[in-house]
N, C-alpha and C. Protein backbone atom coordinates (compact mmCIF):
# COMPACT_ATOMS: atom_id res chain seq x y z
N MET A 1 -15.76 -9.40 -8.02
CA MET A 1 -14.92 -7.89 -7.27
C MET A 1 -15.90 -7.26 -7.29
N THR A 2 -15.37 -6.35 -6.45
CA THR A 2 -16.59 -5.69 -6.02
C THR A 2 -15.41 -4.04 -6.14
N ASP A 3 -15.86 -2.83 -6.87
CA ASP A 3 -15.60 -2.09 -7.17
C ASP A 3 -16.30 -0.49 -6.48
N ARG A 4 -15.32 -0.11 -5.68
CA ARG A 4 -15.46 0.99 -4.98
C ARG A 4 -15.10 2.21 -5.73
N SER A 5 -14.63 2.43 -6.95
CA SER A 5 -14.23 3.45 -7.09
C SER A 5 -15.33 4.64 -7.71
N GLY A 6 -15.00 6.12 -7.54
CA GLY A 6 -15.55 7.13 -7.97
C GLY A 6 -15.98 6.97 -9.39
N ASP A 7 -16.96 7.82 -9.81
CA ASP A 7 -17.12 8.17 -11.21
C ASP A 7 -16.51 9.24 -11.65
N ARG A 8 -14.86 9.96 -11.69
CA ARG A 8 -14.45 10.24 -12.41
C ARG A 8 -14.06 10.46 -13.40
N ALA A 9 -13.58 11.22 -14.22
CA ALA A 9 -13.54 11.08 -15.96
C ALA A 9 -12.78 10.76 -15.92
N GLY A 10 -12.72 9.36 -17.10
CA GLY A 10 -12.19 8.61 -17.48
C GLY A 10 -12.12 7.10 -16.79
N ALA A 11 -11.38 6.85 -16.04
CA ALA A 11 -11.28 5.68 -15.14
C ALA A 11 -12.51 5.52 -14.58
N GLY A 12 -13.72 6.30 -14.05
CA GLY A 12 -14.74 6.34 -13.79
C GLY A 12 -15.86 5.78 -14.35
N ARG A 13 -15.54 5.97 -15.87
CA ARG A 13 -17.04 5.23 -16.66
C ARG A 13 -16.46 3.76 -16.73
N VAL A 14 -14.63 3.47 -17.26
CA VAL A 14 -14.24 2.16 -17.44
C VAL A 14 -14.26 1.38 -15.98
N GLY A 15 -14.19 2.04 -14.96
CA GLY A 15 -14.12 1.50 -13.86
C GLY A 15 -12.52 0.64 -13.58
N TRP A 16 -12.69 0.49 -12.26
CA TRP A 16 -11.61 -0.21 -12.01
C TRP A 16 -10.56 -1.37 -12.54
N ARG A 17 -11.97 -2.35 -13.11
CA ARG A 17 -11.50 -3.27 -13.57
C ARG A 17 -10.86 -3.25 -14.85
N GLY A 18 -11.22 -2.42 -15.76
CA GLY A 18 -10.18 -1.70 -17.05
C GLY A 18 -8.90 -1.34 -16.68
N LEU A 19 -8.71 -1.03 -15.38
CA LEU A 19 -7.74 -0.50 -15.23
C LEU A 19 -6.68 -1.22 -14.74
N ILE A 20 -7.15 -2.62 -14.25
CA ILE A 20 -6.34 -3.23 -13.00
C ILE A 20 -6.19 -4.41 -13.95
N ARG A 21 -4.95 -5.06 -14.50
CA ARG A 21 -4.83 -6.50 -15.31
C ARG A 21 -4.47 -7.69 -14.65
N ASP A 22 -5.32 -8.66 -14.62
CA ASP A 22 -4.69 -9.69 -13.87
C ASP A 22 -3.74 -10.33 -15.12
N VAL A 23 -2.46 -10.84 -14.58
CA VAL A 23 -1.49 -11.33 -15.16
C VAL A 23 -1.32 -13.17 -14.68
N PRO A 24 -2.17 -14.12 -15.93
CA PRO A 24 -2.07 -14.99 -14.97
C PRO A 24 -0.58 -15.90 -14.88
N GLY A 25 -0.12 -16.48 -13.79
CA GLY A 25 1.08 -17.32 -14.14
C GLY A 25 2.46 -16.49 -13.75
N PHE A 26 2.27 -15.28 -13.25
CA PHE A 26 3.49 -14.26 -13.05
C PHE A 26 3.78 -14.32 -11.55
N PRO A 27 4.16 -14.02 -10.73
CA PRO A 27 6.11 -14.59 -11.20
C PRO A 27 6.10 -15.70 -11.50
N ARG A 28 5.10 -16.56 -10.96
CA ARG A 28 5.41 -18.34 -11.00
C ARG A 28 3.57 -18.91 -11.49
N PRO A 29 3.88 -20.06 -11.76
CA PRO A 29 2.86 -20.90 -12.14
C PRO A 29 1.61 -20.62 -11.33
N GLY A 30 0.99 -20.81 -11.21
CA GLY A 30 -0.37 -20.74 -9.93
C GLY A 30 -1.13 -19.19 -9.40
N ILE A 31 0.15 -18.19 -9.52
CA ILE A 31 -0.22 -16.93 -9.06
C ILE A 31 -0.78 -15.96 -10.29
N VAL A 32 -1.81 -15.32 -10.05
CA VAL A 32 -2.57 -14.19 -10.62
C VAL A 32 -2.29 -12.81 -10.25
N PHE A 33 -1.13 -12.59 -10.80
CA PHE A 33 -0.51 -10.90 -10.71
C PHE A 33 -1.79 -9.38 -10.89
N LYS A 34 -1.81 -9.01 -9.57
CA LYS A 34 -2.51 -7.78 -10.33
C LYS A 34 -1.95 -6.40 -10.66
N ASP A 35 -1.81 -6.50 -11.81
CA ASP A 35 -0.68 -5.26 -12.69
C ASP A 35 -1.52 -3.77 -12.84
N ILE A 36 -0.62 -2.98 -11.68
CA ILE A 36 -1.67 -1.51 -11.65
C ILE A 36 -0.91 -0.83 -12.48
N THR A 37 0.20 -1.24 -13.67
CA THR A 37 0.65 -0.03 -14.72
C THR A 37 -0.30 0.82 -15.26
N PRO A 38 -1.27 -0.10 -15.97
CA PRO A 38 -2.54 0.60 -16.42
C PRO A 38 -2.90 1.91 -15.82
N LEU A 39 -3.20 1.47 -14.45
CA LEU A 39 -3.85 2.20 -13.75
C LEU A 39 -2.80 3.50 -13.49
N LEU A 40 -1.74 3.13 -13.07
CA LEU A 40 -0.61 4.44 -13.04
C LEU A 40 -0.22 5.34 -14.16
N GLY A 41 -0.87 4.79 -15.70
CA GLY A 41 -0.60 5.49 -16.62
C GLY A 41 -1.58 6.04 -17.16
N ASP A 42 -2.59 6.36 -16.71
CA ASP A 42 -4.39 6.77 -16.73
C ASP A 42 -4.30 7.99 -15.41
N PRO A 43 -4.46 9.17 -15.91
CA PRO A 43 -4.18 10.36 -14.95
C PRO A 43 -5.21 10.32 -13.94
N ALA A 44 -6.25 10.38 -14.91
CA ALA A 44 -8.07 9.98 -13.80
C ALA A 44 -8.09 9.16 -13.02
N GLY A 45 -7.62 8.12 -14.00
CA GLY A 45 -7.82 6.46 -13.10
C GLY A 45 -7.03 6.82 -11.45
N LEU A 46 -5.84 7.25 -11.73
CA LEU A 46 -5.01 7.19 -10.87
C LEU A 46 -5.19 8.32 -9.68
N ALA A 47 -5.60 9.67 -10.04
CA ALA A 47 -6.32 10.33 -8.82
C ALA A 47 -7.46 10.24 -8.30
N ALA A 48 -8.16 9.23 -9.14
CA ALA A 48 -9.36 9.04 -8.35
C ALA A 48 -9.29 7.64 -7.36
N CYS A 49 -8.32 6.70 -7.67
CA CYS A 49 -7.42 5.83 -6.79
C CYS A 49 -7.10 6.39 -5.63
N VAL A 50 -6.47 7.45 -5.73
CA VAL A 50 -5.15 8.15 -4.64
C VAL A 50 -6.40 8.75 -3.90
N ASP A 51 -7.25 9.49 -4.08
CA ASP A 51 -8.51 10.17 -3.74
C ASP A 51 -9.15 8.96 -2.59
N GLU A 52 -9.50 8.09 -3.37
CA GLU A 52 -10.36 7.18 -2.55
C GLU A 52 -9.32 6.79 -1.32
N LEU A 53 -8.51 6.24 -1.69
CA LEU A 53 -7.51 5.86 -0.61
C LEU A 53 -7.26 6.58 0.71
N ALA A 54 -7.06 8.00 0.01
CA ALA A 54 -6.74 8.99 1.56
C ALA A 54 -7.71 9.33 2.40
N ALA A 55 -9.02 9.56 1.15
CA ALA A 55 -10.42 10.19 2.09
C ALA A 55 -10.72 9.27 3.15
N PRO A 56 -10.68 8.10 3.50
CA PRO A 56 -11.02 7.75 4.95
C PRO A 56 -10.06 8.02 5.95
N PHE A 57 -8.85 8.59 5.53
CA PHE A 57 -8.19 8.92 6.75
C PHE A 57 -7.83 10.58 7.09
N GLU A 58 -8.46 11.30 6.06
CA GLU A 58 -8.54 12.41 6.26
C GLU A 58 -8.34 13.39 7.36
N LYS A 59 -9.21 13.10 8.49
CA LYS A 59 -9.38 13.43 9.66
C LYS A 59 -8.99 12.62 10.93
N GLN A 60 -7.75 12.04 10.59
CA GLN A 60 -7.11 10.89 11.64
C GLN A 60 -6.18 11.01 11.66
N GLY A 61 -5.66 12.75 11.12
CA GLY A 61 -4.04 12.92 12.10
C GLY A 61 -3.09 12.43 11.46
N VAL A 62 -3.30 11.99 10.06
CA VAL A 62 -2.11 11.17 9.39
C VAL A 62 -0.75 12.21 9.41
N GLU A 63 0.31 12.17 10.25
CA GLU A 63 1.93 12.54 10.10
C GLU A 63 2.70 12.07 8.89
N LEU A 64 2.48 11.07 8.55
CA LEU A 64 3.53 10.29 7.90
C LEU A 64 2.46 9.04 6.76
N VAL A 65 2.94 8.86 5.77
CA VAL A 65 2.56 7.83 4.85
C VAL A 65 3.56 7.03 4.66
N ALA A 66 3.95 5.78 4.84
CA ALA A 66 4.94 4.83 4.72
C ALA A 66 4.48 3.97 3.79
N ALA A 67 5.12 3.28 2.40
CA ALA A 67 4.70 2.46 1.61
C ALA A 67 6.22 1.71 0.62
N PRO A 68 5.80 0.63 0.74
CA PRO A 68 7.09 -0.25 0.42
C PRO A 68 7.04 0.00 -1.50
N GLU A 69 8.46 -0.18 -1.74
CA GLU A 69 8.56 -0.07 -3.24
C GLU A 69 8.24 -1.16 -3.88
N ALA A 70 8.22 -0.99 -4.93
CA ALA A 70 8.19 0.23 -5.97
C ALA A 70 6.80 0.76 -6.17
N ARG A 71 5.75 0.02 -6.47
CA ARG A 71 4.31 0.76 -6.64
C ARG A 71 4.12 1.54 -5.68
N GLY A 72 4.05 0.64 -4.39
CA GLY A 72 3.66 1.62 -3.18
C GLY A 72 4.12 2.94 -3.22
N PHE A 73 5.15 3.41 -3.83
CA PHE A 73 6.16 4.31 -3.59
C PHE A 73 5.07 5.72 -4.62
N VAL A 74 4.43 4.91 -5.68
CA VAL A 74 3.85 6.13 -6.48
C VAL A 74 2.40 6.46 -5.82
N ILE A 75 1.97 5.29 -5.22
CA ILE A 75 0.57 5.68 -4.78
C ILE A 75 0.64 6.15 -3.38
N GLY A 76 1.62 5.85 -2.44
CA GLY A 76 2.09 6.61 -0.81
C GLY A 76 2.14 7.82 -1.10
N GLY A 77 3.06 8.02 -2.29
CA GLY A 77 3.86 9.22 -2.28
C GLY A 77 2.59 10.52 -2.68
N MET A 78 1.76 9.96 -3.42
CA MET A 78 0.38 10.84 -3.94
C MET A 78 -0.66 10.88 -2.93
N ALA A 79 -0.82 9.82 -1.84
CA ALA A 79 -1.58 9.61 -0.62
C ALA A 79 -1.23 10.98 0.18
N ALA A 80 0.36 10.69 0.61
CA ALA A 80 1.02 11.61 1.25
C ALA A 80 0.79 13.32 1.07
N GLU A 81 0.58 13.22 -0.21
CA GLU A 81 0.87 15.02 -0.39
C GLU A 81 -1.07 15.18 -0.10
N ARG A 82 -1.92 14.32 -0.69
CA ARG A 82 -3.15 14.29 -0.67
C ARG A 82 -3.75 14.79 1.08
N LEU A 83 -3.12 13.85 1.79
CA LEU A 83 -3.06 13.93 3.00
C LEU A 83 -2.42 15.32 3.81
N GLY A 84 -1.44 16.34 3.42
CA GLY A 84 -0.54 17.11 4.09
C GLY A 84 0.04 16.20 4.96
N ALA A 85 0.97 15.13 4.57
CA ALA A 85 1.45 14.49 5.27
C ALA A 85 3.00 14.28 4.60
N GLY A 86 4.19 13.53 5.40
CA GLY A 86 5.53 12.99 5.03
C GLY A 86 5.36 11.93 4.17
N PHE A 87 6.58 11.93 3.48
CA PHE A 87 6.66 10.17 3.00
C PHE A 87 7.88 9.55 3.88
N VAL A 88 7.47 8.22 3.97
CA VAL A 88 8.54 7.44 4.38
C VAL A 88 8.66 6.08 3.57
N PRO A 89 9.64 6.00 2.56
CA PRO A 89 9.97 4.58 1.95
C PRO A 89 10.42 3.69 2.35
N LEU A 90 9.85 2.70 2.41
CA LEU A 90 10.22 1.23 2.96
C LEU A 90 10.91 0.64 1.81
N ARG A 91 12.30 0.39 2.00
CA ARG A 91 13.32 -0.24 1.08
C ARG A 91 13.54 -1.55 0.82
N LYS A 92 14.21 -2.17 -0.32
CA LYS A 92 14.60 -3.38 -0.39
C LYS A 92 15.89 -3.42 0.65
N PRO A 93 16.58 -4.47 0.37
CA PRO A 93 17.77 -4.11 1.63
C PRO A 93 19.33 -3.86 0.75
N GLY A 94 19.73 -2.72 1.49
CA GLY A 94 20.77 -2.36 0.68
C GLY A 94 20.78 -1.19 -0.24
N LYS A 95 19.56 -0.39 0.12
CA LYS A 95 19.29 0.84 -1.02
C LYS A 95 18.87 2.17 -0.12
N LEU A 96 19.47 2.06 1.25
CA LEU A 96 19.73 3.26 2.20
C LEU A 96 20.84 3.39 2.41
N PRO A 97 21.36 4.78 2.13
CA PRO A 97 22.62 5.25 2.59
C PRO A 97 22.90 5.45 4.05
N ARG A 98 22.15 5.32 5.31
CA ARG A 98 22.32 5.69 6.22
C ARG A 98 21.94 4.54 7.28
N ALA A 99 22.01 4.24 8.48
CA ALA A 99 21.50 3.56 9.33
C ALA A 99 20.35 3.15 9.10
N ALA A 100 19.98 1.94 9.01
CA ALA A 100 18.11 1.06 8.90
C ALA A 100 17.76 -0.05 9.58
N LEU A 101 16.67 0.31 9.80
CA LEU A 101 16.10 -1.14 10.62
C LEU A 101 15.18 -1.62 9.78
N GLY A 102 14.96 -3.17 9.79
CA GLY A 102 14.08 -3.80 9.13
C GLY A 102 13.07 -4.70 9.34
N ALA A 103 12.56 -5.25 8.34
CA ALA A 103 11.81 -6.79 8.74
C ALA A 103 11.82 -7.78 7.73
N ASP A 104 11.86 -8.83 7.89
CA ASP A 104 11.51 -10.15 6.93
C ASP A 104 10.39 -10.21 6.87
N TYR A 105 9.61 -10.80 5.45
CA TYR A 105 8.56 -11.40 5.55
C TYR A 105 8.39 -12.32 4.40
N GLU A 106 7.32 -13.11 4.23
CA GLU A 106 7.01 -13.66 3.36
C GLU A 106 5.99 -13.60 2.43
N LEU A 107 6.02 -13.65 0.93
CA LEU A 107 5.31 -13.07 -0.43
C LEU A 107 4.58 -14.19 -0.40
N GLU A 108 4.05 -14.11 -1.30
CA GLU A 108 2.79 -15.72 -1.77
C GLU A 108 3.91 -16.21 -2.67
N TYR A 109 4.67 -15.68 -3.31
CA TYR A 109 5.59 -16.16 -3.84
C TYR A 109 7.21 -16.34 -3.28
N GLY A 110 7.49 -15.74 -2.86
CA GLY A 110 8.83 -16.13 -2.08
C GLY A 110 9.06 -15.31 -0.44
N THR A 111 10.54 -15.18 -0.20
CA THR A 111 11.11 -14.31 1.13
C THR A 111 11.46 -12.63 0.82
N GLU A 112 11.15 -11.92 1.02
CA GLU A 112 11.75 -10.63 1.24
C GLU A 112 12.25 -9.93 2.24
N ARG A 113 12.29 -8.60 2.42
CA ARG A 113 12.85 -7.69 3.36
C ARG A 113 12.71 -6.17 3.18
N LEU A 114 12.21 -5.26 4.00
CA LEU A 114 11.96 -4.10 3.93
C LEU A 114 12.92 -3.42 5.34
N GLU A 115 13.49 -2.10 4.85
CA GLU A 115 14.11 -1.46 5.68
C GLU A 115 13.62 -0.21 5.30
N MET A 116 13.81 0.81 6.57
CA MET A 116 13.49 2.26 6.49
C MET A 116 15.06 2.91 7.56
N HIS A 117 15.41 4.29 6.97
CA HIS A 117 16.01 4.90 7.94
C HIS A 117 15.85 4.72 9.54
N THR A 118 16.82 4.50 10.25
CA THR A 118 16.29 4.70 11.60
C THR A 118 15.61 5.87 12.26
N ASP A 119 16.11 6.98 11.70
CA ASP A 119 15.41 8.02 12.24
C ASP A 119 14.32 8.73 11.32
N ALA A 120 13.52 7.60 10.26
CA ALA A 120 12.69 8.11 9.49
C ALA A 120 11.59 9.07 10.30
N ILE A 121 11.16 8.07 11.42
CA ILE A 121 9.93 8.30 12.06
C ILE A 121 10.12 8.94 13.42
N THR A 122 9.51 10.04 13.86
CA THR A 122 9.46 10.50 15.10
C THR A 122 8.58 9.68 16.28
N ASP A 123 8.93 9.43 17.26
CA ASP A 123 7.92 8.84 18.64
C ASP A 123 6.67 9.51 18.36
N GLY A 124 5.93 8.45 18.43
CA GLY A 124 4.42 8.59 18.53
C GLY A 124 3.89 9.21 17.29
N ALA A 125 4.80 9.35 15.88
CA ALA A 125 3.88 9.97 14.81
C ALA A 125 2.94 9.26 14.33
N ARG A 126 1.75 9.72 13.74
CA ARG A 126 0.79 8.70 13.18
C ARG A 126 0.75 8.49 11.83
N VAL A 127 1.14 7.27 11.50
CA VAL A 127 1.43 6.65 10.03
C VAL A 127 0.54 5.81 9.48
N LEU A 128 0.18 6.36 7.91
CA LEU A 128 -0.61 5.29 7.62
C LEU A 128 0.16 4.57 6.30
N ILE A 129 -0.33 3.51 6.63
CA ILE A 129 0.73 2.65 5.48
C ILE A 129 0.04 2.20 4.06
N VAL A 130 0.51 2.30 2.83
CA VAL A 130 0.01 2.70 1.91
C VAL A 130 0.68 1.61 0.83
N ASP A 131 -0.18 0.83 0.11
CA ASP A 131 0.08 0.18 -0.46
C ASP A 131 -0.72 -0.31 -1.80
N ASP A 132 0.02 -1.18 -3.16
CA ASP A 132 -0.93 -1.72 -4.19
C ASP A 132 -2.12 -3.01 -3.65
N VAL A 133 -1.49 -3.95 -3.25
CA VAL A 133 -1.83 -5.03 -3.14
C VAL A 133 -2.00 -5.53 -1.55
N LEU A 134 -3.13 -5.95 -1.22
CA LEU A 134 -3.22 -6.80 -0.01
C LEU A 134 -3.38 -8.07 -0.50
N ALA A 135 -2.43 -8.87 0.03
CA ALA A 135 -2.50 -10.10 -0.55
C ALA A 135 -2.36 -11.49 0.57
N THR A 136 -1.44 -12.04 1.37
CA THR A 136 -1.35 -12.57 2.35
C THR A 136 -0.43 -11.97 3.55
N GLY A 137 -0.45 -10.67 3.46
CA GLY A 137 -0.54 -9.49 4.61
C GLY A 137 0.89 -9.26 5.36
N GLY A 138 1.96 -10.07 4.30
CA GLY A 138 3.02 -10.27 4.45
C GLY A 138 3.48 -8.90 4.64
N THR A 139 3.90 -8.40 3.25
CA THR A 139 4.53 -6.68 3.11
C THR A 139 3.68 -6.15 4.16
N GLY A 140 2.32 -5.98 4.17
CA GLY A 140 1.69 -4.75 5.32
C GLY A 140 2.13 -5.19 6.68
N ALA A 141 2.37 -6.71 7.34
CA ALA A 141 2.89 -6.53 8.42
C ALA A 141 4.15 -6.10 8.84
N ALA A 142 5.14 -6.61 7.65
CA ALA A 142 6.46 -5.97 8.05
C ALA A 142 6.40 -4.88 7.60
N SER A 143 5.74 -3.97 7.30
CA SER A 143 5.90 -2.62 7.01
C SER A 143 5.23 -2.09 8.57
N ALA A 144 4.38 -2.57 8.65
CA ALA A 144 3.80 -2.21 10.29
C ALA A 144 4.64 -2.35 11.14
N GLN A 145 5.83 -3.34 11.01
CA GLN A 145 6.52 -3.87 12.31
C GLN A 145 7.85 -2.76 12.41
N ILE A 146 8.00 -2.62 10.95
CA ILE A 146 9.12 -1.55 10.87
C ILE A 146 8.59 0.06 11.47
N VAL A 147 7.65 0.27 10.91
CA VAL A 147 6.85 1.66 11.37
C VAL A 147 6.65 1.68 13.13
N THR A 148 6.40 0.31 13.40
CA THR A 148 6.45 0.32 15.04
C THR A 148 7.64 0.17 15.67
N LEU A 149 8.88 -0.28 15.30
CA LEU A 149 10.19 -0.30 15.75
C LEU A 149 10.67 1.17 15.74
N GLY A 150 10.27 1.88 14.75
CA GLY A 150 10.60 2.86 14.42
C GLY A 150 10.04 4.07 15.23
N GLY A 151 9.37 3.89 16.10
CA GLY A 151 8.27 4.96 17.16
C GLY A 151 6.86 5.13 16.62
N GLY A 152 6.44 4.90 15.20
CA GLY A 152 5.31 5.21 15.10
C GLY A 152 4.45 4.61 15.46
N GLU A 153 2.84 5.21 15.55
CA GLU A 153 1.46 4.40 15.52
C GLU A 153 0.72 4.39 14.43
N ILE A 154 0.76 3.73 13.95
CA ILE A 154 -0.02 2.74 12.77
C ILE A 154 -1.72 3.33 12.80
N VAL A 155 -2.27 4.39 11.65
CA VAL A 155 -3.27 4.97 11.75
C VAL A 155 -4.18 3.59 11.20
N GLY A 156 -3.23 3.39 10.18
CA GLY A 156 -4.36 2.22 9.33
C GLY A 156 -3.25 2.24 8.17
N PHE A 157 -4.03 1.27 7.36
CA PHE A 157 -3.71 0.55 5.97
C PHE A 157 -4.82 1.13 4.96
N SER A 158 -4.04 1.43 3.71
CA SER A 158 -5.06 1.71 2.62
C SER A 158 -4.28 0.74 1.28
N PHE A 159 -5.34 0.04 0.87
CA PHE A 159 -4.67 -0.45 -0.28
C PHE A 159 -5.42 -0.44 -2.15
N VAL A 160 -5.16 -0.41 -3.03
CA VAL A 160 -5.75 -0.59 -4.40
C VAL A 160 -6.56 -1.43 -4.01
N VAL A 161 -6.13 -3.18 -4.06
CA VAL A 161 -6.66 -3.99 -4.31
C VAL A 161 -6.27 -4.68 -3.36
N GLU A 162 -7.30 -5.39 -2.77
CA GLU A 162 -7.20 -6.66 -1.57
C GLU A 162 -7.75 -7.86 -2.18
N LEU A 163 -7.09 -8.71 -2.13
CA LEU A 163 -7.30 -10.41 -2.25
C LEU A 163 -8.05 -10.80 -1.17
N ALA A 164 -9.02 -10.92 -1.16
CA ALA A 164 -9.56 -11.26 0.16
C ALA A 164 -9.90 -12.69 0.55
N PHE A 165 -9.52 -13.41 -0.44
CA PHE A 165 -9.31 -14.87 -0.19
C PHE A 165 -8.34 -15.69 0.09
N LEU A 166 -7.41 -14.73 0.23
CA LEU A 166 -5.80 -15.11 0.66
C LEU A 166 -5.80 -14.85 2.18
N ASP A 167 -6.65 -13.58 2.69
CA ASP A 167 -7.12 -13.45 4.05
C ASP A 167 -6.05 -12.76 4.82
N GLY A 168 -4.70 -11.71 4.34
CA GLY A 168 -4.12 -11.05 4.68
C GLY A 168 -4.33 -10.00 5.63
N ARG A 169 -5.84 -9.62 5.51
CA ARG A 169 -6.36 -9.00 6.42
C ARG A 169 -5.96 -9.56 7.96
N SER A 170 -5.80 -10.53 8.00
CA SER A 170 -5.96 -11.19 9.82
C SER A 170 -4.64 -10.99 10.20
N ARG A 171 -3.29 -10.54 9.18
CA ARG A 171 -2.16 -10.18 9.72
C ARG A 171 -1.92 -9.24 10.14
N LEU A 172 -2.63 -8.07 10.21
CA LEU A 172 -2.76 -6.50 10.04
C LEU A 172 -3.11 -6.16 11.41
N GLY A 173 -3.63 -6.57 12.52
CA GLY A 173 -3.69 -6.36 13.76
C GLY A 173 -5.38 -5.80 13.46
N ASP A 174 -5.66 -4.63 14.63
CA ASP A 174 -6.65 -3.73 14.78
C ASP A 174 -6.67 -2.92 14.07
N ALA A 175 -5.49 -2.50 13.25
CA ALA A 175 -5.99 -0.93 12.55
C ALA A 175 -6.68 -0.74 11.57
N ARG A 176 -7.36 0.24 11.06
CA ARG A 176 -8.18 0.27 9.90
C ARG A 176 -7.81 -0.04 8.94
N ILE A 177 -8.12 -0.62 8.11
CA ILE A 177 -7.90 -1.20 6.77
C ILE A 177 -9.12 -1.07 5.58
N GLU A 178 -8.56 -0.03 4.86
CA GLU A 178 -9.05 0.20 3.56
C GLU A 178 -8.40 0.02 2.26
N SER A 179 -9.51 -0.96 1.18
CA SER A 179 -9.34 -1.38 0.11
C SER A 179 -10.26 -0.82 -0.78
N ALA A 180 -9.50 -0.15 -1.98
CA ALA A 180 -10.59 0.40 -3.16
C ALA A 180 -11.07 -0.75 -4.17
N ILE A 181 -10.45 -1.56 -3.95
CA ILE A 181 -11.21 -2.69 -5.06
C ILE A 181 -10.88 -4.39 -4.08
N VAL A 182 -11.91 -5.11 -4.03
CA VAL A 182 -11.74 -6.19 -2.83
C VAL A 182 -12.52 -7.35 -3.97
N VAL A 183 -11.23 -8.38 -4.13
CA VAL A 183 -11.54 -9.52 -4.56
C VAL A 183 -11.84 -10.64 -3.72
N GLU A 184 -13.03 -11.25 -4.02
CA GLU A 184 -13.59 -11.97 -3.13
C GLU A 184 -12.71 -13.71 -3.28
């Protein structure tokens, strides 16, 4: 595992490995789930993580950050604030009160769908997609599909953890991809 975290108080000394836990066999046998909830509970770790996710895109003219629920909301919302951008929630089906567009995608362990309001993005808006984990790339690809359908321009992707051995990056096109931790 490559740890690209900074040396912020608390988390910097422990490193990302101490804040992100492996949970073998969840949600099914053969899967090793990356649990970021300890990171979310550590103020210094969370701040350092969000700073690192936002920093590569500070001069890229990001207008909106889009992130899938649920963990992506926390990280993505904070990244949007750091970048002075708005936030677009990408929701599970049936959670939005107005007209929505969506995309289906496959996970390592099943099939899902993401949706966003049809008017969430103005044509040509520069959008950064943020999420906790890049695994097979299904969630990222679906997020990009929805953003593009809504008229947005993908500036890049920023992830807390990338499971490089699953090659999810290959599904995300030519956009810039940044990951704080890369698991080879």
